[in-house]
N, C-alpha and C. Protein backbone atom coordinates (compact mmCIF):
# COMPACT_ATOMS: atom_id res chain seq x y z
N UNK A 1 261.85 77.96 -84.47
CA UNK A 1 261.55 78.41 -83.15
C UNK A 1 260.12 78.94 -83.09
N UNK A 2 259.64 79.58 -84.13
CA UNK A 2 258.27 80.09 -84.14
C UNK A 2 257.27 78.94 -84.14
N UNK A 3 257.64 77.81 -84.70
CA UNK A 3 256.74 76.66 -84.70
C UNK A 3 256.60 76.11 -83.28
N UNK A 4 257.69 76.03 -82.51
CA UNK A 4 257.63 75.58 -81.12
C UNK A 4 256.82 76.55 -80.28
N UNK A 5 257.00 77.86 -80.55
CA UNK A 5 256.27 78.89 -79.82
C UNK A 5 254.77 78.75 -80.12
N UNK A 6 254.39 78.50 -81.37
CA UNK A 6 252.98 78.31 -81.76
C UNK A 6 252.40 77.06 -81.11
N UNK A 7 253.15 75.97 -81.07
CA UNK A 7 252.68 74.74 -80.44
C UNK A 7 252.50 74.93 -78.94
N UNK A 8 253.42 75.64 -78.33
CA UNK A 8 253.34 75.90 -76.89
C UNK A 8 252.12 76.75 -76.58
N UNK A 9 251.86 77.78 -77.38
CA UNK A 9 250.70 78.63 -77.16
C UNK A 9 249.40 77.83 -77.32
N UNK A 10 249.35 76.96 -78.34
CA UNK A 10 248.17 76.12 -78.54
C UNK A 10 247.96 75.18 -77.36
N UNK A 11 249.04 74.61 -76.84
CA UNK A 11 248.93 73.72 -75.69
C UNK A 11 248.45 74.48 -74.46
N UNK A 12 248.94 75.68 -74.27
CA UNK A 12 248.51 76.49 -73.13
C UNK A 12 247.04 76.85 -73.28
N UNK A 13 246.64 77.28 -74.48
CA UNK A 13 245.24 77.62 -74.71
C UNK A 13 244.33 76.41 -74.51
N UNK A 14 244.76 75.27 -75.02
CA UNK A 14 243.98 74.03 -74.86
C UNK A 14 243.86 73.66 -73.39
N UNK A 15 244.96 73.83 -72.65
CA UNK A 15 244.95 73.52 -71.21
C UNK A 15 244.01 74.46 -70.47
N UNK A 16 244.06 75.75 -70.82
CA UNK A 16 243.18 76.73 -70.17
C UNK A 16 241.73 76.43 -70.50
N UNK A 17 241.45 76.09 -71.76
CA UNK A 17 240.09 75.75 -72.17
C UNK A 17 239.58 74.53 -71.41
N UNK A 18 240.41 73.50 -71.29
CA UNK A 18 240.02 72.30 -70.54
C UNK A 18 239.77 72.63 -69.07
N UNK A 19 240.61 73.49 -68.50
CA UNK A 19 240.45 73.90 -67.11
C UNK A 19 239.14 74.66 -66.92
N UNK A 20 238.81 75.56 -67.84
CA UNK A 20 237.56 76.31 -67.77
C UNK A 20 236.36 75.37 -67.87
N UNK A 21 236.43 74.42 -68.79
CA UNK A 21 235.34 73.45 -68.95
C UNK A 21 235.17 72.62 -67.68
N UNK A 22 236.24 72.15 -67.13
CA UNK A 22 236.19 71.33 -65.91
C UNK A 22 235.61 72.13 -64.75
N UNK A 23 236.03 73.38 -64.61
CA UNK A 23 235.51 74.23 -63.53
C UNK A 23 234.03 74.50 -63.72
N UNK A 24 233.61 74.72 -64.97
CA UNK A 24 232.20 74.97 -65.25
C UNK A 24 231.36 73.76 -64.87
N UNK A 25 231.79 72.58 -65.25
CA UNK A 25 231.07 71.36 -64.91
C UNK A 25 231.04 71.17 -63.40
N UNK A 26 232.17 71.39 -62.76
CA UNK A 26 232.24 71.23 -61.31
C UNK A 26 231.35 72.23 -60.60
N UNK A 27 231.39 73.49 -61.02
CA UNK A 27 230.58 74.52 -60.37
C UNK A 27 229.09 74.33 -60.63
N UNK A 28 228.72 73.88 -61.82
CA UNK A 28 227.30 73.66 -62.08
C UNK A 28 226.78 72.53 -61.22
N UNK A 29 227.60 71.53 -60.96
CA UNK A 29 227.20 70.45 -60.04
C UNK A 29 227.07 70.96 -58.63
N UNK A 30 227.95 71.86 -58.20
CA UNK A 30 227.89 72.42 -56.86
C UNK A 30 226.67 73.29 -56.67
N UNK A 31 226.33 74.08 -57.69
CA UNK A 31 225.17 74.95 -57.55
C UNK A 31 223.90 74.13 -57.50
N UNK A 32 223.82 73.03 -58.22
CA UNK A 32 222.65 72.17 -58.13
C UNK A 32 222.54 71.54 -56.76
N UNK A 33 223.68 71.13 -56.21
CA UNK A 33 223.66 70.53 -54.88
C UNK A 33 223.26 71.57 -53.85
N UNK A 34 223.70 72.82 -54.02
CA UNK A 34 223.38 73.86 -53.05
C UNK A 34 221.92 74.25 -53.13
N UNK A 35 221.39 74.41 -54.34
CA UNK A 35 219.99 74.83 -54.50
C UNK A 35 219.02 73.66 -54.42
N UNK A 36 219.44 72.51 -54.90
CA UNK A 36 218.63 71.32 -54.96
C UNK A 36 217.24 71.60 -55.52
N UNK A 37 217.19 72.27 -56.66
CA UNK A 37 215.90 72.56 -57.28
C UNK A 37 215.61 71.62 -58.43
N UNK A 38 216.50 70.68 -58.71
CA UNK A 38 216.25 69.73 -59.77
C UNK A 38 215.25 68.70 -59.28
N UNK A 39 214.12 68.51 -59.98
CA UNK A 39 213.12 67.57 -59.53
C UNK A 39 213.66 66.14 -59.55
N UNK A 40 213.29 65.38 -58.55
CA UNK A 40 213.67 63.98 -58.45
C UNK A 40 212.38 63.18 -58.52
N UNK A 41 212.25 62.33 -59.52
CA UNK A 41 211.05 61.55 -59.67
C UNK A 41 211.34 60.12 -59.27
N UNK A 42 210.49 59.59 -58.41
CA UNK A 42 210.63 58.20 -57.99
C UNK A 42 209.32 57.50 -58.27
N UNK A 43 209.39 56.21 -58.46
CA UNK A 43 208.20 55.42 -58.73
C UNK A 43 207.81 54.64 -57.48
N UNK A 44 206.53 54.56 -57.23
CA UNK A 44 206.00 53.75 -56.14
C UNK A 44 205.22 52.61 -56.76
N UNK A 45 205.02 51.51 -56.04
CA UNK A 45 204.25 50.40 -56.60
C UNK A 45 202.84 50.83 -56.95
N UNK A 46 202.32 50.29 -58.04
CA UNK A 46 200.97 50.59 -58.47
C UNK A 46 200.00 49.67 -57.74
N UNK A 47 198.93 50.25 -57.20
CA UNK A 47 197.92 49.45 -56.51
C UNK A 47 196.56 49.86 -57.00
N UNK A 48 195.57 49.04 -56.77
CA UNK A 48 194.20 49.33 -57.18
C UNK A 48 193.40 49.78 -55.97
N UNK A 49 192.36 50.57 -56.21
CA UNK A 49 191.50 51.05 -55.13
C UNK A 49 190.05 50.82 -55.50
N UNK A 50 189.20 50.81 -54.47
CA UNK A 50 187.77 50.69 -54.70
C UNK A 50 187.17 52.09 -54.77
N UNK A 51 185.87 52.19 -54.77
CA UNK A 51 185.21 53.49 -54.91
C UNK A 51 185.70 54.47 -53.85
N UNK A 52 186.26 55.60 -54.27
CA UNK A 52 186.83 56.55 -53.32
C UNK A 52 185.79 57.49 -52.73
N UNK A 53 186.11 58.00 -51.57
CA UNK A 53 185.32 59.06 -50.96
C UNK A 53 186.12 60.34 -51.06
N UNK A 54 185.47 61.46 -51.23
CA UNK A 54 186.18 62.74 -51.39
C UNK A 54 186.49 63.33 -50.02
N UNK A 55 187.40 62.68 -49.31
CA UNK A 55 187.81 63.17 -47.99
C UNK A 55 189.32 63.24 -47.94
N UNK A 56 189.81 64.01 -47.00
CA UNK A 56 191.25 64.19 -46.85
C UNK A 56 191.50 64.51 -45.39
N UNK A 57 192.25 63.66 -44.69
CA UNK A 57 192.50 63.86 -43.27
C UNK A 57 193.99 63.98 -43.05
N UNK A 58 194.55 65.16 -43.28
CA UNK A 58 195.97 65.39 -43.14
C UNK A 58 196.33 65.61 -41.68
N UNK A 59 197.50 65.13 -41.31
CA UNK A 59 198.03 65.38 -39.98
C UNK A 59 199.47 65.81 -40.14
N UNK A 60 200.05 66.30 -39.10
CA UNK A 60 201.43 66.76 -39.17
C UNK A 60 202.36 65.58 -38.90
N UNK A 61 202.53 64.75 -39.89
CA UNK A 61 203.38 63.58 -39.81
C UNK A 61 204.64 63.83 -40.64
N UNK A 62 205.73 63.17 -40.33
CA UNK A 62 206.92 63.31 -41.16
C UNK A 62 206.64 62.89 -42.59
N UNK A 63 207.25 63.59 -43.53
CA UNK A 63 207.08 63.31 -44.94
C UNK A 63 207.92 62.10 -45.31
N UNK A 64 207.33 61.16 -46.04
CA UNK A 64 208.09 59.99 -46.46
C UNK A 64 208.17 59.97 -47.97
N UNK A 65 209.22 59.40 -48.49
CA UNK A 65 209.43 59.34 -49.94
C UNK A 65 209.04 58.00 -50.53
N UNK A 66 208.61 57.07 -49.70
CA UNK A 66 208.37 55.72 -50.19
C UNK A 66 207.06 55.59 -50.95
N UNK A 67 206.14 56.55 -50.82
CA UNK A 67 204.86 56.43 -51.49
C UNK A 67 203.87 55.60 -50.70
N UNK A 68 204.24 55.13 -49.51
CA UNK A 68 203.35 54.32 -48.70
C UNK A 68 202.64 55.12 -47.64
N UNK A 69 202.92 56.40 -47.50
CA UNK A 69 202.28 57.25 -46.52
C UNK A 69 200.83 57.46 -46.94
N UNK A 70 199.89 57.01 -46.12
CA UNK A 70 198.48 57.11 -46.47
C UNK A 70 197.78 58.24 -45.73
N UNK A 71 198.52 59.06 -44.99
CA UNK A 71 197.92 60.19 -44.30
C UNK A 71 197.36 61.18 -45.32
N UNK A 72 196.16 61.64 -45.06
CA UNK A 72 195.56 62.64 -45.92
C UNK A 72 194.96 62.10 -47.20
N UNK A 73 194.83 60.79 -47.31
CA UNK A 73 194.27 60.18 -48.51
C UNK A 73 192.88 59.65 -48.17
N UNK A 74 191.89 59.82 -49.06
CA UNK A 74 190.55 59.29 -48.81
C UNK A 74 190.57 57.78 -48.58
N UNK A 75 189.60 57.28 -47.84
CA UNK A 75 189.48 55.85 -47.58
C UNK A 75 189.37 55.08 -48.90
N UNK A 76 190.08 54.00 -48.99
CA UNK A 76 190.03 53.16 -50.19
C UNK A 76 190.91 53.64 -51.32
N UNK A 77 191.67 54.71 -51.12
CA UNK A 77 192.53 55.26 -52.15
C UNK A 77 193.98 55.10 -51.70
N UNK A 78 194.86 54.87 -52.65
CA UNK A 78 196.28 54.75 -52.32
C UNK A 78 197.12 55.54 -53.32
N UNK A 79 198.39 55.67 -53.01
CA UNK A 79 199.31 56.37 -53.89
C UNK A 79 199.68 55.43 -55.03
N UNK A 80 199.45 55.90 -56.26
CA UNK A 80 199.81 55.11 -57.43
C UNK A 80 201.29 55.28 -57.75
N UNK A 81 201.75 56.55 -57.75
CA UNK A 81 203.17 56.82 -57.99
C UNK A 81 203.47 58.27 -57.61
N UNK A 82 204.75 58.54 -57.39
CA UNK A 82 205.20 59.90 -57.13
C UNK A 82 205.44 60.56 -58.48
N UNK A 83 204.77 61.69 -58.72
CA UNK A 83 204.91 62.40 -59.98
C UNK A 83 206.14 63.29 -59.95
N UNK A 84 206.30 64.02 -58.85
CA UNK A 84 207.39 65.00 -58.76
C UNK A 84 207.77 65.17 -57.30
N UNK A 85 209.06 65.33 -57.07
CA UNK A 85 209.57 65.57 -55.73
C UNK A 85 210.71 66.55 -55.87
N UNK A 86 210.62 67.68 -55.16
CA UNK A 86 211.61 68.74 -55.33
C UNK A 86 211.84 69.44 -53.99
N UNK A 87 213.07 69.90 -53.78
CA UNK A 87 213.38 70.70 -52.60
C UNK A 87 213.29 72.17 -53.00
N UNK A 88 212.56 72.93 -52.19
CA UNK A 88 212.35 74.35 -52.44
C UNK A 88 213.29 75.17 -51.58
N UNK A 89 213.13 76.48 -51.60
CA UNK A 89 213.96 77.38 -50.80
C UNK A 89 213.77 77.10 -49.30
N UNK A 90 214.76 77.45 -48.53
CA UNK A 90 214.74 77.35 -47.07
C UNK A 90 214.47 75.93 -46.57
N UNK A 91 214.83 74.93 -47.34
CA UNK A 91 214.70 73.54 -46.89
C UNK A 91 213.31 72.96 -47.01
N UNK A 92 212.37 73.69 -47.60
CA UNK A 92 211.03 73.15 -47.80
C UNK A 92 211.08 72.08 -48.89
N UNK A 93 210.20 71.10 -48.76
CA UNK A 93 210.17 69.96 -49.67
C UNK A 93 208.75 69.83 -50.23
N UNK A 94 208.62 69.69 -51.56
CA UNK A 94 207.31 69.55 -52.20
C UNK A 94 207.25 68.21 -52.90
N UNK A 95 206.16 67.50 -52.67
CA UNK A 95 205.97 66.20 -53.29
C UNK A 95 204.56 66.14 -53.88
N UNK A 96 204.46 65.71 -55.13
CA UNK A 96 203.18 65.54 -55.80
C UNK A 96 203.03 64.06 -56.14
N UNK A 97 201.93 63.47 -55.65
CA UNK A 97 201.70 62.04 -55.84
C UNK A 97 200.39 61.82 -56.58
N UNK A 98 200.40 60.88 -57.52
CA UNK A 98 199.19 60.51 -58.24
C UNK A 98 198.47 59.45 -57.41
N UNK A 99 197.19 59.69 -57.16
CA UNK A 99 196.38 58.76 -56.38
C UNK A 99 195.57 57.87 -57.31
N UNK A 100 195.15 56.72 -56.81
CA UNK A 100 194.41 55.77 -57.64
C UNK A 100 193.02 56.28 -58.02
N UNK A 101 192.51 57.33 -57.34
CA UNK A 101 191.22 57.89 -57.73
C UNK A 101 191.35 59.03 -58.73
N UNK A 102 192.58 59.27 -59.21
CA UNK A 102 192.82 60.32 -60.20
C UNK A 102 193.25 61.64 -59.61
N UNK A 103 193.21 61.77 -58.30
CA UNK A 103 193.63 63.01 -57.64
C UNK A 103 195.15 63.10 -57.56
N UNK A 104 195.61 64.31 -57.27
CA UNK A 104 197.04 64.54 -57.08
C UNK A 104 197.21 65.12 -55.68
N UNK A 105 197.88 64.38 -54.81
CA UNK A 105 198.13 64.87 -53.46
C UNK A 105 199.39 65.72 -53.47
N UNK A 106 199.25 66.97 -53.03
CA UNK A 106 200.38 67.90 -52.96
C UNK A 106 200.71 68.06 -51.49
N UNK A 107 201.96 67.77 -51.15
CA UNK A 107 202.42 67.89 -49.77
C UNK A 107 203.64 68.79 -49.74
N UNK A 108 203.61 69.80 -48.86
CA UNK A 108 204.77 70.65 -48.65
C UNK A 108 205.16 70.53 -47.19
N UNK A 109 206.43 70.19 -46.95
CA UNK A 109 206.94 70.02 -45.59
C UNK A 109 208.10 70.99 -45.39
N UNK A 110 208.27 71.42 -44.14
CA UNK A 110 209.39 72.33 -43.84
C UNK A 110 210.67 71.53 -43.64
N UNK A 111 211.73 72.21 -43.25
CA UNK A 111 213.04 71.56 -43.12
C UNK A 111 213.07 70.51 -42.01
N UNK A 112 212.11 70.53 -41.09
CA UNK A 112 212.05 69.52 -40.02
C UNK A 112 211.12 68.37 -40.39
N UNK A 113 210.67 68.31 -41.64
CA UNK A 113 209.77 67.29 -42.16
C UNK A 113 208.34 67.44 -41.64
N UNK A 114 208.01 68.58 -41.02
CA UNK A 114 206.66 68.84 -40.54
C UNK A 114 205.83 69.32 -41.73
N UNK A 115 204.68 68.68 -41.96
CA UNK A 115 203.82 69.04 -43.09
C UNK A 115 203.16 70.38 -42.80
N UNK A 116 203.37 71.33 -43.73
CA UNK A 116 202.77 72.65 -43.58
C UNK A 116 201.57 72.84 -44.52
N UNK A 117 201.48 72.03 -45.57
CA UNK A 117 200.34 72.07 -46.49
C UNK A 117 200.16 70.69 -47.08
N UNK A 118 198.93 70.23 -47.07
CA UNK A 118 198.61 68.98 -47.75
C UNK A 118 197.20 69.11 -48.30
N UNK A 119 197.07 68.92 -49.60
CA UNK A 119 195.77 69.00 -50.24
C UNK A 119 195.74 68.06 -51.43
N UNK A 120 194.54 67.77 -51.89
CA UNK A 120 194.37 66.92 -53.07
C UNK A 120 193.69 67.74 -54.15
N UNK A 121 194.24 67.69 -55.36
CA UNK A 121 193.69 68.43 -56.49
C UNK A 121 193.09 67.42 -57.48
N UNK A 122 191.90 67.75 -57.97
CA UNK A 122 191.21 66.89 -58.93
C UNK A 122 190.88 67.68 -60.19
N UNK A 123 190.89 67.00 -61.35
CA UNK A 123 190.48 67.55 -62.63
C UNK A 123 189.53 66.55 -63.27
N UNK A 124 188.50 67.04 -63.94
CA UNK A 124 187.60 66.13 -64.62
C UNK A 124 186.55 66.88 -65.41
N UNK A 125 185.55 66.13 -65.90
CA UNK A 125 184.43 66.71 -66.65
C UNK A 125 183.14 66.37 -65.93
N UNK A 126 182.26 67.35 -65.87
CA UNK A 126 180.97 67.15 -65.23
C UNK A 126 180.13 66.17 -66.05
N UNK A 127 179.58 65.15 -65.36
CA UNK A 127 178.69 64.18 -66.01
C UNK A 127 177.24 64.56 -65.80
N UNK A 128 176.88 64.78 -64.52
CA UNK A 128 175.51 65.16 -64.18
C UNK A 128 175.52 66.17 -63.04
N UNK A 129 174.43 66.93 -62.96
CA UNK A 129 174.28 67.93 -61.90
C UNK A 129 172.91 67.75 -61.28
N UNK A 130 172.88 67.71 -59.95
CA UNK A 130 171.62 67.62 -59.21
C UNK A 130 171.71 68.58 -58.04
N UNK A 131 171.35 69.85 -58.27
CA UNK A 131 171.46 70.86 -57.22
C UNK A 131 172.93 71.13 -56.91
N UNK A 132 173.31 70.94 -55.64
CA UNK A 132 174.69 71.16 -55.21
C UNK A 132 175.55 69.91 -55.40
N UNK A 133 174.94 68.78 -55.81
CA UNK A 133 175.69 67.56 -56.05
C UNK A 133 176.06 67.47 -57.52
N UNK A 134 177.35 67.24 -57.75
CA UNK A 134 177.88 67.18 -59.11
C UNK A 134 178.63 65.85 -59.27
N UNK A 135 178.28 65.11 -60.31
CA UNK A 135 179.01 63.88 -60.61
C UNK A 135 180.04 64.21 -61.67
N UNK A 136 181.30 63.81 -61.40
CA UNK A 136 182.42 64.17 -62.26
C UNK A 136 183.16 62.92 -62.69
N UNK A 137 183.50 62.85 -63.98
CA UNK A 137 184.40 61.82 -64.50
C UNK A 137 185.80 62.38 -64.30
N UNK A 138 186.53 61.83 -63.33
CA UNK A 138 187.84 62.34 -62.96
C UNK A 138 188.90 61.84 -63.94
N UNK A 139 189.78 62.76 -64.37
CA UNK A 139 190.89 62.38 -65.24
C UNK A 139 191.75 61.36 -64.51
N UNK A 140 192.01 60.23 -65.14
CA UNK A 140 192.86 59.21 -64.55
C UNK A 140 192.21 58.43 -63.43
N UNK A 141 190.91 58.58 -63.24
CA UNK A 141 190.20 57.87 -62.18
C UNK A 141 188.79 57.55 -62.62
N UNK A 142 187.97 57.20 -61.66
CA UNK A 142 186.58 56.88 -61.94
C UNK A 142 185.70 58.10 -61.83
N UNK A 143 184.44 57.86 -61.46
CA UNK A 143 183.50 58.94 -61.25
C UNK A 143 183.42 59.25 -59.77
N UNK A 144 183.23 60.53 -59.46
CA UNK A 144 183.03 60.96 -58.09
C UNK A 144 181.83 61.88 -58.04
N UNK A 145 181.04 61.75 -57.00
CA UNK A 145 179.96 62.69 -56.76
C UNK A 145 180.39 63.57 -55.61
N UNK A 146 180.43 64.88 -55.88
CA UNK A 146 180.87 65.83 -54.87
C UNK A 146 179.73 66.80 -54.57
N UNK A 147 179.70 67.28 -53.35
CA UNK A 147 178.71 68.27 -52.95
C UNK A 147 179.46 69.59 -52.75
N UNK A 148 179.06 70.60 -53.49
CA UNK A 148 179.72 71.91 -53.43
C UNK A 148 179.16 72.69 -52.24
N UNK A 149 179.99 73.01 -51.26
CA UNK A 149 179.52 73.78 -50.10
C UNK A 149 179.09 75.19 -50.51
N UNK A 150 178.14 75.75 -49.74
CA UNK A 150 177.62 77.09 -50.02
C UNK A 150 178.69 78.17 -49.92
N UNK A 151 179.65 78.01 -49.02
CA UNK A 151 180.66 79.06 -48.79
C UNK A 151 181.75 79.11 -49.86
N UNK A 152 181.84 78.09 -50.72
CA UNK A 152 182.89 78.05 -51.73
C UNK A 152 182.50 78.94 -52.91
N UNK A 153 183.38 79.86 -53.27
CA UNK A 153 183.17 80.73 -54.42
C UNK A 153 183.63 79.98 -55.67
N UNK A 154 182.77 79.88 -56.65
CA UNK A 154 183.06 79.15 -57.88
C UNK A 154 183.76 80.10 -58.86
N UNK A 155 184.95 79.70 -59.33
CA UNK A 155 185.67 80.48 -60.33
C UNK A 155 185.15 80.04 -61.71
N UNK A 156 184.31 80.86 -62.32
CA UNK A 156 183.66 80.56 -63.59
C UNK A 156 183.77 81.78 -64.50
N UNK A 157 185.00 82.10 -64.93
CA UNK A 157 185.26 83.30 -65.73
C UNK A 157 184.46 83.33 -67.02
N UNK A 158 184.26 82.17 -67.65
CA UNK A 158 183.57 82.12 -68.94
C UNK A 158 182.06 81.95 -68.79
N UNK A 159 181.56 81.99 -67.56
CA UNK A 159 180.11 81.88 -67.28
C UNK A 159 179.52 80.61 -67.88
N UNK A 160 180.22 79.47 -67.66
CA UNK A 160 179.80 78.19 -68.21
C UNK A 160 178.65 77.57 -67.42
N UNK A 161 178.68 77.74 -66.11
CA UNK A 161 177.64 77.16 -65.26
C UNK A 161 177.83 75.66 -65.09
N UNK A 162 176.91 75.08 -64.34
CA UNK A 162 176.97 73.64 -64.03
C UNK A 162 176.31 72.85 -65.15
N UNK A 163 177.08 72.56 -66.19
CA UNK A 163 176.55 71.85 -67.36
C UNK A 163 177.37 70.59 -67.60
N UNK A 164 176.73 69.49 -68.01
CA UNK A 164 177.50 68.30 -68.37
C UNK A 164 178.49 68.62 -69.50
N UNK A 165 179.69 68.08 -69.39
CA UNK A 165 180.74 68.31 -70.38
C UNK A 165 181.69 69.43 -70.01
N UNK A 166 181.33 70.27 -69.03
CA UNK A 166 182.19 71.37 -68.60
C UNK A 166 183.31 70.80 -67.74
N UNK A 167 184.53 71.27 -67.99
CA UNK A 167 185.67 70.83 -67.18
C UNK A 167 185.63 71.49 -65.83
N UNK A 168 186.00 70.72 -64.80
CA UNK A 168 185.98 71.22 -63.43
C UNK A 168 187.27 70.82 -62.73
N UNK A 169 187.79 71.74 -61.94
CA UNK A 169 188.95 71.48 -61.09
C UNK A 169 188.54 71.84 -59.68
N UNK A 170 188.87 70.98 -58.70
CA UNK A 170 188.58 71.32 -57.33
C UNK A 170 189.69 70.83 -56.42
N UNK A 171 189.80 71.50 -55.27
CA UNK A 171 190.84 71.21 -54.30
C UNK A 171 190.18 70.82 -52.99
N UNK A 172 190.67 69.73 -52.41
CA UNK A 172 190.20 69.26 -51.11
C UNK A 172 191.27 69.59 -50.09
N UNK A 173 190.89 70.29 -49.00
CA UNK A 173 191.88 70.71 -48.01
C UNK A 173 192.20 69.61 -47.00
N UNK A 174 192.99 69.93 -46.00
CA UNK A 174 193.46 68.96 -45.01
C UNK A 174 192.32 68.38 -44.17
N UNK A 175 191.19 69.08 -44.08
CA UNK A 175 190.06 68.57 -43.31
C UNK A 175 189.11 67.74 -44.18
N UNK A 176 189.43 67.55 -45.45
CA UNK A 176 188.61 66.76 -46.35
C UNK A 176 187.46 67.55 -46.96
N UNK A 177 187.50 68.87 -46.84
CA UNK A 177 186.44 69.71 -47.37
C UNK A 177 186.89 70.36 -48.68
N UNK A 178 185.92 70.57 -49.58
CA UNK A 178 186.24 71.24 -50.83
C UNK A 178 186.59 72.69 -50.52
N UNK A 179 187.73 73.11 -51.00
CA UNK A 179 188.26 74.44 -50.70
C UNK A 179 188.05 75.42 -51.85
N UNK A 180 188.22 74.93 -53.09
CA UNK A 180 188.06 75.80 -54.25
C UNK A 180 187.55 74.99 -55.43
N UNK A 181 186.80 75.66 -56.32
CA UNK A 181 186.25 75.03 -57.51
C UNK A 181 186.44 75.99 -58.68
N UNK A 182 186.87 75.45 -59.82
CA UNK A 182 187.05 76.25 -61.03
C UNK A 182 186.41 75.52 -62.19
N UNK A 183 185.62 76.25 -62.98
CA UNK A 183 184.99 75.69 -64.18
C UNK A 183 185.70 76.25 -65.41
N UNK A 184 185.94 75.37 -66.39
CA UNK A 184 186.61 75.76 -67.65
C UNK A 184 185.91 75.07 -68.79
N UNK A 185 186.10 75.61 -70.02
CA UNK A 185 185.52 74.90 -71.18
C UNK A 185 186.56 74.09 -71.90
């Protein structure tokens, strides 16, 4: 009789353990669906572009996931692929796309698909400097010559200055103007 009692207890424990595991899996799936913070990466067709201009003309257009939306992209540049796509709190949606000129277009839209922020971020190394004009070898792209506006404050913590070989990051806002510049070694 003690052997049957032991087998019954093991079966009950095993059943409870299986039930706990099933509930955990089910609940973890529900919490992901509720929060939707897991990044979803999609691929867009790869295309080639000609010499890009450092402009950005964003408008309040619905956000598309196809990678074919050319709003806010410089002339002659296209979306190479979607790097990351994620839903944020309160129904906001963030999409980061790799552009053929090496830039990364960051778009944030609200729950109604209205774009609330769209900018392009660039990383590269300075090739040449001529006053306020800087030629940069862009990571993942070609060379770009940019003109640094007088009103932009340069973030240069290490006091590197405008020297060839110095790494530079800059952001182009919705109006196609340089918004911020950071120099790093």
